[in-house]
Amino acid sequence: MEKENNQIMLEQKLEFFDMLEEALMIPYKNMGFTFLAFCVSLPLLCFMVFFETTVQITLVEASNILKQSHVTNYIILSMSFYKQALLTVLHGAAFVALLIKYLDWSAGWNMGIVISILEEVCGIEALELSGYYSTGSTRRGQLLMLVFFVWGLGLRLPCFYAAMGGRVSGIAVTFVLISLVCLGNVMKWVACMVYFYDCKSRILEKKVDDKFAREAKVPDV
């Protein structure tokens, strides 16, 4: 059975959307995995709701303090339009560069964790294998991490606005949105597993092709 699965992986090359589709289909096909993931995620969900609620209260209080202070408004008004535009461009460029590097590191780190679980290799060796397997596939890993980064950030921003509306309604909205964040975390690890197997199959296929190419170049004696 394992040999057949490896053969199927070698025959398939998954692109970005194919990996997302495969990751979404795994919980649908395996209800036991879905139930186990739900039970395991409950403690994380409770902790994240408490954490996000605390962070929201802090952000709301900080926002109210800034609204009452005229120092920030004075600094913004005293700056010329060109200075503001220049700072916006510089900060935007720095943000994009750091985001790309963060996504690259996140993809390698998460694949290293998957390798440490599936291949029983830990520490630096797992990270080295992650870098080796992801050779030529870094763009797909970055796109995967970008999807789940946007998912988590996009769900956390409404939590902040809900907290400003009221404590009870804010907690209710936070619970629903953080539940979706936890769902995204589960799907992220499933997608990382699919990404790992796909990268591994591509590397193995490349090694086989290189071996055949070397044998073809050897002249018959």
Foldseek 3Di string as FASTA:
>chain_A
DVVVVLVVLLVDAAFLVRLLVVLVVVCVVDVVVVVVLVVVCVVVLVVVLVVLLVVLVVVVVVVVVVVVDCPVVVVVVVDDPVVVVVVVVVVVVVVVVVLQVVLLVVLLVLLLVVCCVPVVDDDPVSSVVSVVLCVVPSVSSSVLSVVLVCLLVVLSVVLNVQVVVDPVSSSVSSSVSSVVNSVSVSSSSSSSNSVSSSSVSVVVSVVVVVVVVVVVPDDDD
